[in-house]
């Protein structure tokens, strides 16, 4: 997905903002794709998943 790759390449902070924006706008699958494409540290991943627990099943697909 081009959106996901663009967000991931822009940096982790931007990717996290993009995930939250997509998620709050109802674009759940796109948010999951951005999450998968980004290279977050374990701490960053844990923080995002703690705030968006429904994201976990989507990234596992």
Protein backbone atom coordinates (compact mmCIF):
# COMPACT_ATOMS: atom_id res chain seq x y z
CA UNK A 1 0.00 0.00 0.00
CA UNK A 2 1.68 3.26 -1.11
CA UNK A 3 0.24 5.31 1.75
CA UNK A 4 1.76 2.98 4.31
CA UNK A 5 5.21 3.04 2.73
CA UNK A 6 5.16 6.82 2.39
CA UNK A 7 4.24 7.29 6.04
CA UNK A 8 6.83 4.79 7.23
CA UNK A 9 9.62 6.39 5.25
CA UNK A 10 8.82 9.83 6.68
CA UNK A 11 9.90 8.71 10.15
CA UNK A 12 8.44 7.06 13.19
CA UNK A 13 6.87 10.19 14.65
CA UNK A 14 5.13 10.94 11.39
CA UNK A 15 4.10 7.29 11.03
CA UNK A 16 2.63 7.30 14.52
CA UNK A 17 0.69 10.49 13.76
CA UNK A 18 -0.54 8.96 10.50
CA UNK A 19 -1.67 5.80 12.31
CA UNK A 20 -3.62 7.82 14.87
CA UNK A 21 -5.16 10.03 12.17
CA UNK A 22 -6.22 7.06 10.05
CA UNK A 23 -7.51 5.20 13.09
CA UNK A 24 -9.61 8.11 14.35
CA UNK A 25 -10.97 8.61 10.83
CA UNK A 26 -12.12 5.00 10.67
CA UNK A 27 -9.45 3.77 8.22
CA UNK A 28 -8.48 0.82 10.41
CA UNK A 29 -6.85 -1.40 7.78
CA UNK A 30 -4.79 1.49 6.44
CA UNK A 31 -3.63 2.29 9.98
CA UNK A 32 -2.57 -1.35 10.38
CA UNK A 33 -0.61 -1.20 7.10
CA UNK A 34 1.23 1.93 8.23
CA UNK A 35 2.02 0.24 11.55
CA UNK A 36 3.40 -2.84 9.79
CA UNK A 37 5.50 -0.76 7.39
CA UNK A 38 7.01 1.45 10.10
CA UNK A 39 10.06 0.38 12.07
CA UNK A 40 9.11 1.21 15.64
CA UNK A 41 11.13 0.34 18.69
CA UNK A 42 9.54 -2.19 21.00
CA UNK A 43 8.64 0.61 23.43
CA UNK A 44 6.98 2.67 20.68
CA UNK A 45 5.03 -0.35 19.42
CA UNK A 46 3.87 -1.18 22.93
CA UNK A 47 2.73 2.41 23.52
CA UNK A 48 0.76 2.57 20.28
CA UNK A 49 -0.85 -0.82 20.90
CA UNK A 50 -1.71 0.19 24.47
CA UNK A 51 -3.56 3.24 23.13
CA UNK A 52 -5.13 1.36 20.20
CA UNK A 53 -5.69 -2.21 21.43
CA UNK A 54 -8.03 -3.06 18.54
CA UNK A 55 -5.10 -2.52 16.18
CA UNK A 56 -3.35 -5.70 17.33
CA UNK A 57 -5.67 -8.18 15.54
CA UNK A 58 -5.43 -6.17 12.31
CA UNK A 59 -1.63 -6.23 12.26
CA UNK A 60 -1.69 -9.97 12.89
CA UNK A 61 -3.61 -10.63 9.67
